[in-house]
Amino acid sequence: MWTKRGGPEDSTGRCPKEYWKRVYINTEESPKIMSQNSNHSLIYGKRQEDAMIVGIDIGGTTTDAVAIKGKNVVRVISITASDPVAAASGALGKLITTLGCSLTDIETIVATGGGASSI
């Protein structure tokens, strides 16, 4: 279970801020956190070639999300939302819905952009 309420609350993927705090906890049931070494290169938790990685760029009005599996870009989506938490949640929800997958299929989630510090 991802949150006290069981995950995203509606079809847009909007959910409470506690949800994002849980997503970034490195447990067996959640995606792995990417970390940086001293050379600032990203380190993956499992096999890179099989892993689905999601990147979310949270801008002022537009938030973009990309799903990458191995070396291939699987899907790119954009949404518009002014609240960074709603934007990140909505982008992840839309990405998961369009891919027909679940959070357990995602190994790593990385957020960047001006709104990333808010989540």
Protein backbone atom coordinates (compact mmCIF):
# COMPACT_ATOMS: atom_id res chain seq x y z
CA MET A 1 0.00 0.00 0.00
CA TRP A 2 1.44 3.37 -1.01
CA THR A 3 -0.52 5.72 1.21
CA LYS A 4 -3.02 5.56 4.03
CA ARG A 5 -5.65 5.87 1.33
CA GLY A 6 -4.06 3.32 -1.00
CA GLY A 7 -2.49 5.58 -3.66
CA PRO A 8 -3.74 8.13 -6.16
CA GLU A 9 -7.20 9.35 -5.31
CA ASP A 10 -8.68 9.90 -8.75
CA SER A 11 -8.08 9.31 -12.45
CA THR A 12 -5.76 12.34 -12.70
CA GLY A 13 -3.44 10.82 -10.12
CA ARG A 14 -3.86 13.68 -7.67
CA CYS A 15 -3.07 12.63 -4.16
CA PRO A 16 -1.95 14.12 -0.86
CA LYS A 17 1.60 15.31 -0.20
CA GLU A 18 2.16 12.34 2.18
CA TYR A 19 2.04 10.16 -0.94
CA TRP A 20 5.17 11.73 -2.36
CA LYS A 21 6.97 11.40 0.96
CA ARG A 22 6.24 7.64 0.82
CA VAL A 23 7.33 7.31 -2.81
CA TYR A 24 10.80 8.56 -1.95
CA ILE A 25 11.29 6.13 0.95
CA ASN A 26 13.66 3.41 -0.22
CA THR A 27 11.85 0.21 0.78
CA GLU A 28 11.22 -3.06 -0.99
CA GLU A 29 7.71 -1.93 -1.95
CA SER A 30 8.62 1.50 -3.35
CA PRO A 31 10.76 2.71 -6.25
CA LYS A 32 14.46 3.12 -5.56
CA ILE A 33 15.94 6.56 -5.04
CA MET A 34 18.61 7.68 -7.43
CA SER A 35 21.67 9.02 -5.70
CA GLN A 36 24.66 10.91 -6.97
CA ASN A 37 28.27 9.95 -6.55
CA SER A 38 31.11 12.48 -6.30
CA ASN A 39 31.23 12.75 -10.11
CA HIS A 40 27.52 13.65 -10.17
CA SER A 41 26.64 10.62 -12.26
CA LEU A 42 23.43 8.80 -11.38
CA ILE A 43 23.57 5.44 -9.65
CA TYR A 44 20.76 2.95 -10.19
CA GLY A 45 19.45 0.52 -7.60
CA LYS A 46 18.92 -2.48 -9.95
CA ARG A 47 19.54 -3.55 -13.53
CA GLN A 48 19.58 -0.49 -15.79
CA GLU A 49 18.49 -2.42 -18.89
CA ASP A 50 15.20 -3.62 -17.32
CA ALA A 51 14.41 -0.68 -15.07
CA MET A 52 11.62 1.77 -15.80
CA ILE A 53 12.70 5.22 -14.74
CA VAL A 54 10.37 8.22 -14.56
CA GLY A 55 11.64 11.78 -14.72
CA ILE A 56 9.33 14.66 -13.82
CA ASP A 57 10.23 18.26 -14.70
CA ILE A 58 8.02 20.55 -12.60
CA GLY A 59 7.85 24.00 -14.15
CA GLY A 60 5.88 27.11 -13.24
CA THR A 61 2.82 26.17 -15.28
CA THR A 62 3.75 23.10 -17.32
CA THR A 63 5.01 19.81 -15.93
CA ASP A 64 6.56 17.21 -18.20
CA ALA A 65 7.08 13.55 -17.37
CA VAL A 66 9.04 10.93 -19.27
CA ALA A 67 9.21 7.15 -18.82
CA ILE A 68 12.42 5.46 -19.88
CA LYS A 69 13.01 1.71 -20.00
CA GLY A 70 16.53 0.61 -20.73
CA LYS A 71 17.79 3.06 -23.35
CA ASN A 72 14.36 3.74 -24.85
CA VAL A 73 11.96 6.59 -24.18
CA VAL A 74 8.64 4.83 -23.64
CA ARG A 75 6.30 7.82 -23.20
CA VAL A 76 6.39 11.60 -22.72
CA ILE A 77 3.43 13.58 -21.35
CA SER A 78 2.76 17.20 -20.34
CA ILE A 79 0.17 18.67 -18.00
CA THR A 80 -0.68 22.15 -16.80
CA ALA A 81 -1.06 22.87 -13.08
CA SER A 82 0.07 25.75 -10.89
CA ASP A 83 0.59 23.72 -7.68
CA PRO A 84 3.86 21.70 -7.81
CA VAL A 85 2.53 18.77 -5.76
CA ALA A 86 -0.64 18.54 -7.85
CA ALA A 87 1.45 18.87 -11.02
CA ALA A 88 3.85 16.07 -10.06
CA SER A 89 1.03 13.81 -8.86
CA GLY A 90 -1.05 14.51 -11.95
CA ALA A 91 1.88 13.93 -14.31
CA LEU A 92 2.77 10.63 -12.65
CA GLY A 93 -0.88 9.54 -12.65
CA LYS A 94 -1.33 10.42 -16.32
CA LEU A 95 1.91 8.65 -17.24
CA ILE A 96 0.92 5.49 -15.35
CA THR A 97 -2.56 5.54 -16.88
CA THR A 98 -1.32 5.98 -20.46
CA LEU A 99 1.28 3.22 -20.00
CA GLY A 100 -1.20 0.86 -18.34
CA CYS A 101 1.27 0.08 -15.57
CA SER A 102 1.41 0.54 -11.79
CA LEU A 103 3.82 2.19 -9.38
CA THR A 104 5.44 -1.16 -8.66
CA ASP A 105 6.60 -1.28 -12.30
CA ILE A 106 8.64 1.89 -11.76
CA GLU A 107 12.03 1.47 -10.17
CA THR A 108 13.10 5.10 -9.91
CA ILE A 109 11.35 8.48 -9.88
CA VAL A 110 13.39 11.65 -10.26
CA ALA A 111 11.99 15.19 -9.99
CA THR A 112 13.64 18.35 -11.27
CA GLY A 113 12.68 21.90 -12.12
CA GLY A 114 11.54 24.89 -10.12
CA GLY A 115 8.76 23.02 -8.32
CA ALA A 116 10.80 19.94 -7.36
CA SER A 117 11.85 21.41 -4.02
CA SER A 118 8.17 21.62 -3.01
CA ILE A 119 7.61 17.86 -3.06
